[in-house]
Amino acid sequence: MPDLARASARASALATVSRPGVGPDCGVRLSERPADALVQVAVPAAARAAVADALGHALPDPLTAIDIPGKSTRLLWVSADQWWVEARDGTAPADLAARLAAAGARPTDQTQARVVVHLAGEHTRDLLAKGWALDLHPRAFPAGACAQSSLAAVSVMLAAVGGGAYDLYIPRSFAQSLWDWLLDAGAEFGVGVD
């Protein structure tokens, strides 16, 4: 019989490449930020009110990410009638998916499919500009904005979280190569790993 507790434990996709170290002149800081649950939901218009009640917050507008006040939950717009619900409070993906399905959404667990990398520091936007096609100036991409695009030829979701920091939602199979790219592209600014 398989050990289900061990099978459900998530090993970091960056375990072999992420080595903490912070130098004196770090213009960019990288860290992996675990998500307990990341569920994509398709929400028909008729179910939006019930899903909002289940979440305790309305679903965000296009190109918007919202951290629900008082909860460790982020909602990200993905595409028409599609959102991600990210829980960082110990919620199991199956429990979150069941709660959203009961409200009329069609959930798909993405927890094992994505790695979340947090970037912060005074040169974070300079680093991202080397491989991101969209304008990241705060007037064009303020805190609370999110978008999917290509970063160094990898399709990612980028969320501006405020204070010049960003979260990258990276497909797990590309996490190591994009991590290496971030380190290489950020070398001129000094990169620290938390």
C-alpha atoms as a PDB file:
ATOM      1  CA  MET A   1       0.000   0.000   0.000  1.00  0.00           C
ATOM      2  CA  PRO A   2       1.502   3.394  -0.945  1.00  0.00           C
ATOM      3  CA  ASP A   3       2.234   5.941   1.747  1.00  0.00           C
ATOM      4  CA  LEU A   4      -0.350   8.595   0.821  1.00  0.00           C
ATOM      5  CA  ALA A   5       1.041  11.213   3.210  1.00  0.00           C
ATOM      6  CA  ARG A   6       4.467  10.927   1.609  1.00  0.00           C
ATOM      7  CA  ALA A   7       3.028  10.827  -1.914  1.00  0.00           C
ATOM      8  CA  SER A   8       1.063  14.011  -1.300  1.00  0.00           C
ATOM      9  CA  ALA A   9       4.057  15.878   0.141  1.00  0.00           C
ATOM     10  CA  ARG A  10       5.337  18.304  -2.447  1.00  0.00           C
ATOM     11  CA  ALA A  11       9.026  18.260  -3.218  1.00  0.00           C
ATOM     12  CA  SER A  12      10.337  21.581  -4.434  1.00  0.00           C
ATOM     13  CA  ALA A  13      11.117  21.720  -8.140  1.00  0.00           C
ATOM     14  CA  LEU A  14      13.967  24.060  -7.171  1.00  0.00           C
ATOM     15  CA  ALA A  15      15.508  21.911  -4.420  1.00  0.00           C
ATOM     16  CA  THR A  16      18.633  21.103  -6.430  1.00  0.00           C
ATOM     17  CA  VAL A  17      19.248  24.615  -7.769  1.00  0.00           C
ATOM     18  CA  SER A  18      18.087  27.016  -5.064  1.00  0.00           C
ATOM     19  CA  ARG A  19      20.985  27.769  -2.754  1.00  0.00           C
ATOM     20  CA  PRO A  20      20.368  30.524  -0.197  1.00  0.00           C
ATOM     21  CA  GLY A  21      22.908  33.298  -0.155  1.00  0.00           C
ATOM     22  CA  VAL A  22      22.689  37.052   0.080  1.00  0.00           C
ATOM     23  CA  GLY A  23      25.585  39.313  -0.810  1.00  0.00           C
ATOM     24  CA  PRO A  24      26.098  42.909   0.282  1.00  0.00           C
ATOM     25  CA  ASP A  25      24.909  44.416  -3.011  1.00  0.00           C
ATOM     26  CA  CYS A  26      21.758  42.490  -3.882  1.00  0.00           C
ATOM     27  CA  GLY A  27      19.542  44.454  -6.218  1.00  0.00           C
ATOM     28  CA  VAL A  28      17.224  41.462  -6.638  1.00  0.00           C
ATOM     29  CA  ARG A  29      16.147  38.824  -4.126  1.00  0.00           C
ATOM     30  CA  LEU A  30      14.607  35.527  -5.188  1.00  0.00           C
ATOM     31  CA  SER A  31      12.721  33.015  -3.094  1.00  0.00           C
ATOM     32  CA  GLU A  32      10.379  30.139  -3.712  1.00  0.00           C
ATOM     33  CA  ARG A  33       7.014  30.859  -2.108  1.00  0.00           C
ATOM     34  CA  PRO A  34       5.049  27.685  -1.437  1.00  0.00           C
ATOM     35  CA  ALA A  35       1.327  27.557  -2.162  1.00  0.00           C
ATOM     36  CA  ASP A  36      -0.692  25.061  -0.152  1.00  0.00           C
ATOM     37  CA  ALA A  37      -3.340  24.956  -2.861  1.00  0.00           C
ATOM     38  CA  LEU A  38      -3.605  26.451  -6.343  1.00  0.00           C
ATOM     39  CA  VAL A  39      -6.872  25.666  -8.076  1.00  0.00           C
ATOM     40  CA  GLN A  40      -7.991  26.944 -11.462  1.00  0.00           C
ATOM     41  CA  VAL A  41     -11.734  27.478 -11.672  1.00  0.00           C
ATOM     42  CA  ALA A  42     -14.037  27.939 -14.603  1.00  0.00           C
ATOM     43  CA  VAL A  43     -16.988  29.924 -13.296  1.00  0.00           C
ATOM     44  CA  PRO A  44     -20.153  30.275 -15.383  1.00  0.00           C
ATOM     45  CA  ALA A  45     -21.861  33.651 -15.007  1.00  0.00           C
ATOM     46  CA  ALA A  46     -24.757  32.007 -13.155  1.00  0.00           C
ATOM     47  CA  ALA A  47     -22.387  30.701 -10.450  1.00  0.00           C
ATOM     48  CA  ARG A  48     -20.336  33.865  -9.835  1.00  0.00           C
ATOM     49  CA  ALA A  49     -22.328  35.044  -6.814  1.00  0.00           C
ATOM     50  CA  ALA A  50     -22.188  31.613  -5.151  1.00  0.00           C
ATOM     51  CA  VAL A  51     -18.436  31.297  -5.817  1.00  0.00           C
ATOM     52  CA  ALA A  52     -17.871  34.789  -4.425  1.00  0.00           C
ATOM     53  CA  ASP A  53     -19.801  33.780  -1.276  1.00  0.00           C
ATOM     54  CA  ALA A  54     -17.702  30.604  -0.948  1.00  0.00           C
ATOM     55  CA  LEU A  55     -14.491  32.641  -1.245  1.00  0.00           C
ATOM     56  CA  GLY A  56     -15.621  35.583   0.842  1.00  0.00           C
ATOM     57  CA  HIS A  57     -14.727  37.973  -1.993  1.00  0.00           C
ATOM     58  CA  ALA A  58     -15.822  38.798  -5.532  1.00  0.00           C
ATOM     59  CA  LEU A  59     -13.764  37.380  -8.371  1.00  0.00           C
ATOM     60  CA  PRO A  60     -11.285  39.942  -9.747  1.00  0.00           C
ATOM     61  CA  ASP A  61     -11.621  41.863 -12.974  1.00  0.00           C
ATOM     62  CA  PRO A  62      -9.455  40.977 -15.989  1.00  0.00           C
ATOM     63  CA  LEU A  63      -5.691  41.378 -15.522  1.00  0.00           C
ATOM     64  CA  THR A  64      -6.137  41.706 -11.758  1.00  0.00           C
ATOM     65  CA  ALA A  65      -4.901  39.757  -8.737  1.00  0.00           C
ATOM     66  CA  ILE A  66      -6.421  40.293  -5.291  1.00  0.00           C
ATOM     67  CA  ASP A  67      -5.166  39.217  -1.893  1.00  0.00           C
ATOM     68  CA  ILE A  68      -8.347  38.742   0.146  1.00  0.00           C
ATOM     69  CA  PRO A  69      -8.085  40.927   3.264  1.00  0.00           C
ATOM     70  CA  GLY A  70      -7.737  38.894   6.450  1.00  0.00           C
ATOM     71  CA  LYS A  71      -7.152  35.629   4.590  1.00  0.00           C
ATOM     72  CA  SER A  72      -4.105  33.945   3.119  1.00  0.00           C
ATOM     73  CA  THR A  73      -5.852  33.653  -0.224  1.00  0.00           C
ATOM     74  CA  ARG A  74      -5.080  35.250  -3.570  1.00  0.00           C
ATOM     75  CA  LEU A  75      -7.423  35.370  -6.556  1.00  0.00           C
ATOM     76  CA  LEU A  76      -5.921  35.840 -10.026  1.00  0.00           C
ATOM     77  CA  TRP A  77      -7.748  36.429 -13.283  1.00  0.00           C
ATOM     78  CA  VAL A  78      -6.539  33.952 -15.927  1.00  0.00           C
ATOM     79  CA  SER A  79      -8.864  34.418 -18.904  1.00  0.00           C
ATOM     80  CA  ALA A  80     -12.543  34.854 -19.690  1.00  0.00           C
ATOM     81  CA  ASP A  81     -14.501  32.996 -16.970  1.00  0.00           C
ATOM     82  CA  GLN A  82     -11.253  31.472 -15.570  1.00  0.00           C
ATOM     83  CA  TRP A  83      -9.478  32.323 -12.306  1.00  0.00           C
ATOM     84  CA  TRP A  84      -6.834  30.866 -10.019  1.00  0.00           C
ATOM     85  CA  VAL A  85      -7.514  30.566  -6.315  1.00  0.00           C
ATOM     86  CA  GLU A  86      -4.307  30.285  -4.291  1.00  0.00           C
ATOM     87  CA  ALA A  87      -4.503  29.340  -0.609  1.00  0.00           C
ATOM     88  CA  ARG A  88      -1.513  29.749   1.730  1.00  0.00           C
ATOM     89  CA  ASP A  89      -3.278  28.767   4.940  1.00  0.00           C
ATOM     90  CA  GLY A  90      -2.857  24.995   5.018  1.00  0.00           C
ATOM     91  CA  THR A  91      -5.966  24.318   2.948  1.00  0.00           C
ATOM     92  CA  ALA A  92      -5.701  21.042   1.053  1.00  0.00           C
ATOM     93  CA  PRO A  93      -6.191  21.361  -2.723  1.00  0.00           C
ATOM     94  CA  ALA A  94      -8.961  18.731  -2.702  1.00  0.00           C
ATOM     95  CA  ASP A  95     -10.849  20.614   0.031  1.00  0.00           C
ATOM     96  CA  LEU A  96     -10.595  23.925  -1.817  1.00  0.00           C
ATOM     97  CA  ALA A  97     -11.676  22.286  -5.086  1.00  0.00           C
ATOM     98  CA  ALA A  98     -14.651  20.601  -3.381  1.00  0.00           C
ATOM     99  CA  ARG A  99     -15.795  23.881  -1.797  1.00  0.00           C
ATOM    100  CA  LEU A 100     -15.603  25.678  -5.150  1.00  0.00           C
ATOM    101  CA  ALA A 101     -17.335  22.841  -7.014  1.00  0.00           C
ATOM    102  CA  ALA A 102     -20.184  22.936  -4.474  1.00  0.00           C
ATOM    103  CA  ALA A 103     -20.626  26.624  -5.364  1.00  0.00           C
ATOM    104  CA  GLY A 104     -20.955  25.826  -9.074  1.00  0.00           C
ATOM    105  CA  ALA A 105     -17.371  26.279 -10.303  1.00  0.00           C
ATOM    106  CA  ARG A 106     -15.451  23.700 -12.321  1.00  0.00           C
ATOM    107  CA  PRO A 107     -12.129  23.338 -10.468  1.00  0.00           C
ATOM    108  CA  THR A 108      -8.825  21.903 -11.676  1.00  0.00           C
ATOM    109  CA  ASP A 109      -6.004  21.411  -9.173  1.00  0.00           C
ATOM    110  CA  GLN A 110      -2.816  23.176 -10.348  1.00  0.00           C
ATOM    111  CA  THR A 111      -0.885  22.893  -7.069  1.00  0.00           C
ATOM    112  CA  GLN A 112       1.687  20.420  -8.353  1.00  0.00           C
ATOM    113  CA  ALA A 113       1.847  22.041 -11.784  1.00  0.00           C
ATOM    114  CA  ARG A 114       3.207  25.457 -10.767  1.00  0.00           C
ATOM    115  CA  VAL A 115       6.122  26.867  -8.798  1.00  0.00           C
ATOM    116  CA  VAL A 116       5.777  30.339  -7.312  1.00  0.00           C
ATOM    117  CA  VAL A 117       8.941  32.463  -7.244  1.00  0.00           C
ATOM    118  CA  HIS A 118       8.899  35.769  -5.381  1.00  0.00           C
ATOM    119  CA  LEU A 119      11.153  38.559  -6.693  1.00  0.00           C
ATOM    120  CA  ALA A 120      11.888  41.742  -4.768  1.00  0.00           C
ATOM    121  CA  GLY A 121      14.509  44.478  -4.721  1.00  0.00           C
ATOM    122  CA  GLU A 122      15.294  47.757  -6.420  1.00  0.00           C
ATOM    123  CA  HIS A 123      16.352  46.138  -9.732  1.00  0.00           C
ATOM    124  CA  THR A 124      13.581  43.541 -10.007  1.00  0.00           C
ATOM    125  CA  ARG A 125      11.795  45.400 -12.795  1.00  0.00           C
ATOM    126  CA  ASP A 126      15.121  45.839 -14.654  1.00  0.00           C
ATOM    127  CA  LEU A 127      15.719  42.104 -14.457  1.00  0.00           C
ATOM    128  CA  LEU A 128      12.231  41.191 -15.658  1.00  0.00           C
ATOM    129  CA  ALA A 129      12.460  43.709 -18.525  1.00  0.00           C
ATOM    130  CA  LYS A 130      15.265  41.615 -20.010  1.00  0.00           C
ATOM    131  CA  GLY A 131      12.831  38.835 -20.866  1.00  0.00           C
ATOM    132  CA  TRP A 132       9.269  40.150 -20.409  1.00  0.00           C
ATOM    133  CA  ALA A 133       7.490  41.764 -23.359  1.00  0.00           C
ATOM    134  CA  LEU A 134       4.880  43.746 -21.405  1.00  0.00           C
ATOM    135  CA  ASP A 135       5.458  47.194 -19.868  1.00  0.00           C
ATOM    136  CA  LEU A 136       6.143  46.808 -16.144  1.00  0.00           C
ATOM    137  CA  HIS A 137       6.239  50.510 -15.292  1.00  0.00           C
ATOM    138  CA  PRO A 138       4.027  51.033 -12.220  1.00  0.00           C
ATOM    139  CA  ARG A 139       1.657  53.222 -14.267  1.00  0.00           C
ATOM    140  CA  ALA A 140       1.081  50.350 -16.710  1.00  0.00           C
ATOM    141  CA  PHE A 141       1.440  47.391 -14.316  1.00  0.00           C
ATOM    142  CA  PRO A 142       0.614  48.578 -10.768  1.00  0.00           C
ATOM    143  CA  ALA A 143       0.354  46.504  -7.613  1.00  0.00           C
ATOM    144  CA  GLY A 144      -2.587  44.159  -8.055  1.00  0.00           C
ATOM    145  CA  ALA A 145      -2.015  43.667 -11.781  1.00  0.00           C
ATOM    146  CA  CYS A 146      -1.418  40.231 -13.255  1.00  0.00           C
ATOM    147  CA  ALA A 147      -0.785  38.978 -16.766  1.00  0.00           C
ATOM    148  CA  GLN A 148       0.289  35.876 -18.596  1.00  0.00           C
ATOM    149  CA  SER A 149       3.065  36.265 -21.091  1.00  0.00           C
ATOM    150  CA  SER A 150       6.435  34.834 -21.983  1.00  0.00           C
ATOM    151  CA  LEU A 151       9.497  35.368 -19.797  1.00  0.00           C
ATOM    152  CA  ALA A 152      12.671  34.083 -21.419  1.00  0.00           C
ATOM    153  CA  ALA A 153      10.546  31.905 -23.749  1.00  0.00           C
ATOM    154  CA  VAL A 154       8.582  30.360 -20.830  1.00  0.00           C
ATOM    155  CA  SER A 155       4.858  31.071 -20.459  1.00  0.00           C
ATOM    156  CA  VAL A 156       4.296  32.401 -16.934  1.00  0.00           C
ATOM    157  CA  MET A 157       1.770  34.340 -14.875  1.00  0.00           C
ATOM    158  CA  LEU A 158       3.243  37.470 -13.311  1.00  0.00           C
ATOM    159  CA  ALA A 159       1.512  39.234 -10.412  1.00  0.00           C
ATOM    160  CA  ALA A 160       2.640  42.629  -9.082  1.00  0.00           C
ATOM    161  CA  VAL A 161       2.358  42.361  -5.302  1.00  0.00           C
ATOM    162  CA  GLY A 162       3.399  45.886  -4.296  1.00  0.00           C
ATOM    163  CA  GLY A 163       6.572  47.597  -3.183  1.00  0.00           C
ATOM    164  CA  GLY A 164       8.249  46.708  -6.477  1.00  0.00           C
ATOM    165  CA  ALA A 165       7.876  42.961  -5.788  1.00  0.00           C
ATOM    166  CA  TYR A 166       6.416  40.329  -8.090  1.00  0.00           C
ATOM    167  CA  ASP A 167       5.312  36.709  -7.935  1.00  0.00           C
ATOM    168  CA  LEU A 168       6.020  34.467 -10.928  1.00  0.00           C
ATOM    169  CA  TYR A 169       3.812  31.404 -11.413  1.00  0.00           C
ATOM    170  CA  ILE A 170       6.039  29.106 -13.449  1.00  0.00           C
ATOM    171  CA  PRO A 171       5.153  25.742 -14.994  1.00  0.00           C
ATOM    172  CA  ARG A 172       6.915  23.178 -12.800  1.00  0.00           C
ATOM    173  CA  SER A 173       8.745  21.537 -15.704  1.00  0.00           C
ATOM    174  CA  PHE A 174      10.399  24.882 -16.582  1.00  0.00           C
ATOM    175  CA  ALA A 175      11.133  26.060 -13.023  1.00  0.00           C
ATOM    176  CA  GLN A 176      14.817  25.099 -12.934  1.00  0.00           C
ATOM    177  CA  SER A 177      15.671  26.575 -16.317  1.00  0.00           C
ATOM    178  CA  LEU A 178      13.849  29.826 -15.574  1.00  0.00           C
ATOM    179  CA  TRP A 179      15.498  30.004 -12.126  1.00  0.00           C
ATOM    180  CA  ASP A 180      18.900  29.702 -13.833  1.00  0.00           C
ATOM    181  CA  TRP A 181      17.891  32.413 -16.304  1.00  0.00           C
ATOM    182  CA  LEU A 182      16.887  34.740 -13.435  1.00  0.00           C
ATOM    183  CA  LEU A 183      20.248  34.205 -11.754  1.00  0.00           C
ATOM    184  CA  ASP A 184      22.202  34.790 -14.975  1.00  0.00           C
ATOM    185  CA  ALA A 185      20.156  37.773 -16.159  1.00  0.00           C
ATOM    186  CA  GLY A 186      20.273  39.338 -12.709  1.00  0.00           C
ATOM    187  CA  ALA A 187      24.017  38.939 -12.162  1.00  0.00           C
ATOM    188  CA  GLU A 188      24.735  42.575 -13.091  1.00  0.00           C
ATOM    189  CA  PHE A 189      22.342  43.759 -10.343  1.00  0.00           C
ATOM    190  CA  GLY A 190      23.457  41.268  -7.679  1.00  0.00           C
ATOM    191  CA  VAL A 191      21.053  38.433  -6.887  1.00  0.00           C
ATOM    192  CA  GLY A 192      20.364  37.077  -3.432  1.00  0.00           C
ATOM    193  CA  VAL A 193      18.460  33.874  -2.740  1.00  0.00           C
ATOM    194  CA  ASP A 194      16.331  33.742   0.402  1.00  0.00           C
END
